[in-house]
Amino acid sequence: MREMNQNSRVVTTDNNHMYSNRERIDAILGLIIVFIKDEFSEATLPSSPDTE
């Protein structure tokens, strides 16, 4: 897919099947799988009062 100028990266919330098989998906489809928390979380953002 990367060669066809399509998506090269997929962000997922599935940390079980899709994320655990990310190397295999990259090898077969050429897609980089990233977990949403790794991609969009920032340590500098304040915590929500509900999660403290």
N, C-alpha and C. Protein backbone atom coordinates (compact mmCIF):
# COMPACT_ATOMS: atom_id res chain seq x y z
N MET A 1 0.82 -1.20 0.00
CA MET A 1 0.00 0.00 0.00
C MET A 1 0.86 1.26 0.00
N ARG A 2 2.02 1.16 0.63
CA ARG A 2 2.89 2.32 0.70
C ARG A 2 3.35 2.74 -0.70
N GLU A 3 3.60 1.76 -1.56
CA GLU A 3 4.05 2.05 -2.92
C GLU A 3 2.97 2.72 -3.76
N MET A 4 1.71 2.53 -3.41
CA MET A 4 0.59 3.09 -4.17
C MET A 4 0.21 4.47 -3.65
N ASN A 5 1.06 5.08 -2.80
CA ASN A 5 0.79 6.38 -2.20
C ASN A 5 -0.52 6.39 -1.43
N GLN A 6 -0.79 5.28 -0.80
CA GLN A 6 -1.96 5.15 0.07
C GLN A 6 -1.48 5.36 1.51
N ASN A 7 -2.21 4.85 2.46
CA ASN A 7 -1.84 4.95 3.87
C ASN A 7 -0.55 4.19 4.13
N SER A 8 0.29 4.76 4.98
CA SER A 8 1.50 4.04 5.38
C SER A 8 1.48 3.75 6.88
N ARG A 9 0.53 4.36 7.59
CA ARG A 9 0.45 4.18 9.04
C ARG A 9 -1.01 4.10 9.46
N VAL A 10 -1.28 3.20 10.39
CA VAL A 10 -2.63 3.02 10.93
C VAL A 10 -2.54 3.19 12.44
N VAL A 11 -3.40 4.04 12.99
CA VAL A 11 -3.47 4.23 14.43
C VAL A 11 -4.66 3.40 14.93
N THR A 12 -4.42 2.57 15.94
CA THR A 12 -5.45 1.67 16.43
C THR A 12 -5.66 1.82 17.94
N THR A 13 -6.84 1.47 18.38
CA THR A 13 -7.12 1.37 19.81
C THR A 13 -7.10 -0.09 20.26
N ASP A 14 -6.92 -1.00 19.31
CA ASP A 14 -6.88 -2.43 19.60
C ASP A 14 -5.46 -2.82 20.01
N ASN A 15 -5.20 -2.87 21.31
CA ASN A 15 -3.85 -3.22 21.74
C ASN A 15 -3.67 -4.73 21.87
N ASN A 16 -4.63 -5.49 21.41
CA ASN A 16 -4.53 -6.93 21.52
C ASN A 16 -4.09 -7.55 20.19
N HIS A 17 -5.00 -7.80 19.29
CA HIS A 17 -4.68 -8.51 18.05
C HIS A 17 -3.87 -7.68 17.07
N MET A 18 -4.38 -6.53 16.74
CA MET A 18 -3.75 -5.72 15.70
C MET A 18 -2.36 -5.22 16.14
N TYR A 19 -2.28 -4.68 17.33
CA TYR A 19 -1.01 -4.13 17.80
C TYR A 19 0.02 -5.22 18.07
N SER A 20 -0.42 -6.35 18.60
CA SER A 20 0.53 -7.43 18.89
C SER A 20 1.05 -8.10 17.62
N ASN A 21 0.35 -7.93 16.51
CA ASN A 21 0.79 -8.48 15.22
C ASN A 21 1.33 -7.40 14.29
N ARG A 22 1.76 -6.26 14.85
CA ARG A 22 2.17 -5.13 14.02
C ARG A 22 3.36 -5.44 13.12
N GLU A 23 4.32 -6.25 13.57
CA GLU A 23 5.46 -6.59 12.72
C GLU A 23 5.01 -7.42 11.52
N ARG A 24 4.10 -8.34 11.74
CA ARG A 24 3.60 -9.18 10.66
C ARG A 24 2.79 -8.36 9.65
N ILE A 25 1.96 -7.44 10.15
CA ILE A 25 1.17 -6.58 9.27
C ILE A 25 2.09 -5.69 8.45
N ASP A 26 3.12 -5.17 9.07
CA ASP A 26 4.09 -4.33 8.34
C ASP A 26 4.79 -5.15 7.26
N ALA A 27 5.19 -6.37 7.58
CA ALA A 27 5.89 -7.21 6.62
C ALA A 27 5.02 -7.58 5.43
N ILE A 28 3.75 -7.87 5.69
CA ILE A 28 2.85 -8.32 4.62
C ILE A 28 2.26 -7.14 3.83
N LEU A 29 1.79 -6.11 4.54
CA LEU A 29 1.08 -5.02 3.89
C LEU A 29 1.89 -3.73 3.76
N GLY A 30 2.99 -3.65 4.50
CA GLY A 30 3.77 -2.42 4.47
C GLY A 30 3.11 -1.30 5.24
N LEU A 31 2.31 -1.66 6.26
CA LEU A 31 1.63 -0.67 7.09
C LEU A 31 2.24 -0.65 8.48
N ILE A 32 2.53 0.53 8.97
CA ILE A 32 3.03 0.68 10.33
C ILE A 32 1.83 0.84 11.25
N ILE A 33 1.75 -0.01 12.26
CA ILE A 33 0.65 0.00 13.22
C ILE A 33 1.14 0.69 14.49
N VAL A 34 0.44 1.72 14.91
CA VAL A 34 0.78 2.41 16.16
C VAL A 34 -0.43 2.42 17.08
N PHE A 35 -0.17 2.35 18.37
CA PHE A 35 -1.23 2.36 19.37
C PHE A 35 -1.59 3.81 19.68
N ILE A 36 -2.86 4.10 19.80
CA ILE A 36 -3.33 5.49 19.95
C ILE A 36 -2.69 6.19 21.15
N LYS A 37 -2.51 5.48 22.25
CA LYS A 37 -1.91 6.11 23.43
C LYS A 37 -0.45 6.48 23.16
N ASP A 38 0.26 5.66 22.41
CA ASP A 38 1.65 5.97 22.07
C ASP A 38 1.74 7.13 21.09
N GLU A 39 0.77 7.25 20.23
CA GLU A 39 0.80 8.27 19.18
C GLU A 39 0.36 9.65 19.67
N PHE A 40 -0.68 9.71 20.50
CA PHE A 40 -1.28 10.99 20.83
C PHE A 40 -1.15 11.43 22.28
N SER A 41 -0.64 10.60 23.16
CA SER A 41 -0.52 11.02 24.55
C SER A 41 0.74 11.85 24.72
N GLU A 42 0.64 12.82 25.61
CA GLU A 42 1.78 13.68 25.90
C GLU A 42 1.94 13.75 27.42
N ALA A 43 3.13 13.57 27.86
CA ALA A 43 3.38 13.61 29.30
C ALA A 43 3.18 15.00 29.87
N THR A 44 3.22 16.03 29.02
CA THR A 44 3.10 17.40 29.51
C THR A 44 1.65 17.84 29.69
N LEU A 45 0.70 17.06 29.18
CA LEU A 45 -0.70 17.42 29.33
C LEU A 45 -1.16 17.15 30.75
N PRO A 46 -1.98 18.03 31.32
CA PRO A 46 -2.48 17.76 32.68
C PRO A 46 -3.46 16.60 32.69
N SER A 47 -3.51 15.90 33.80
CA SER A 47 -4.45 14.78 33.96
C SER A 47 -5.85 15.32 34.19
N SER A 48 -6.82 14.51 33.82
CA SER A 48 -8.20 14.85 34.10
C SER A 48 -8.46 14.61 35.58
N PRO A 49 -9.25 15.46 36.23
CA PRO A 49 -9.55 15.25 37.66
C PRO A 49 -10.26 13.91 37.89
N ASP A 50 -10.96 13.40 36.87
CA ASP A 50 -11.67 12.13 37.01
C ASP A 50 -10.73 10.94 37.06
N THR A 51 -9.51 11.08 36.54
CA THR A 51 -8.58 9.95 36.47
C THR A 51 -7.55 9.97 37.57
N GLU A 52 -7.57 10.97 38.42
CA GLU A 52 -6.57 11.04 39.50
C GLU A 52 -7.06 10.30 40.71
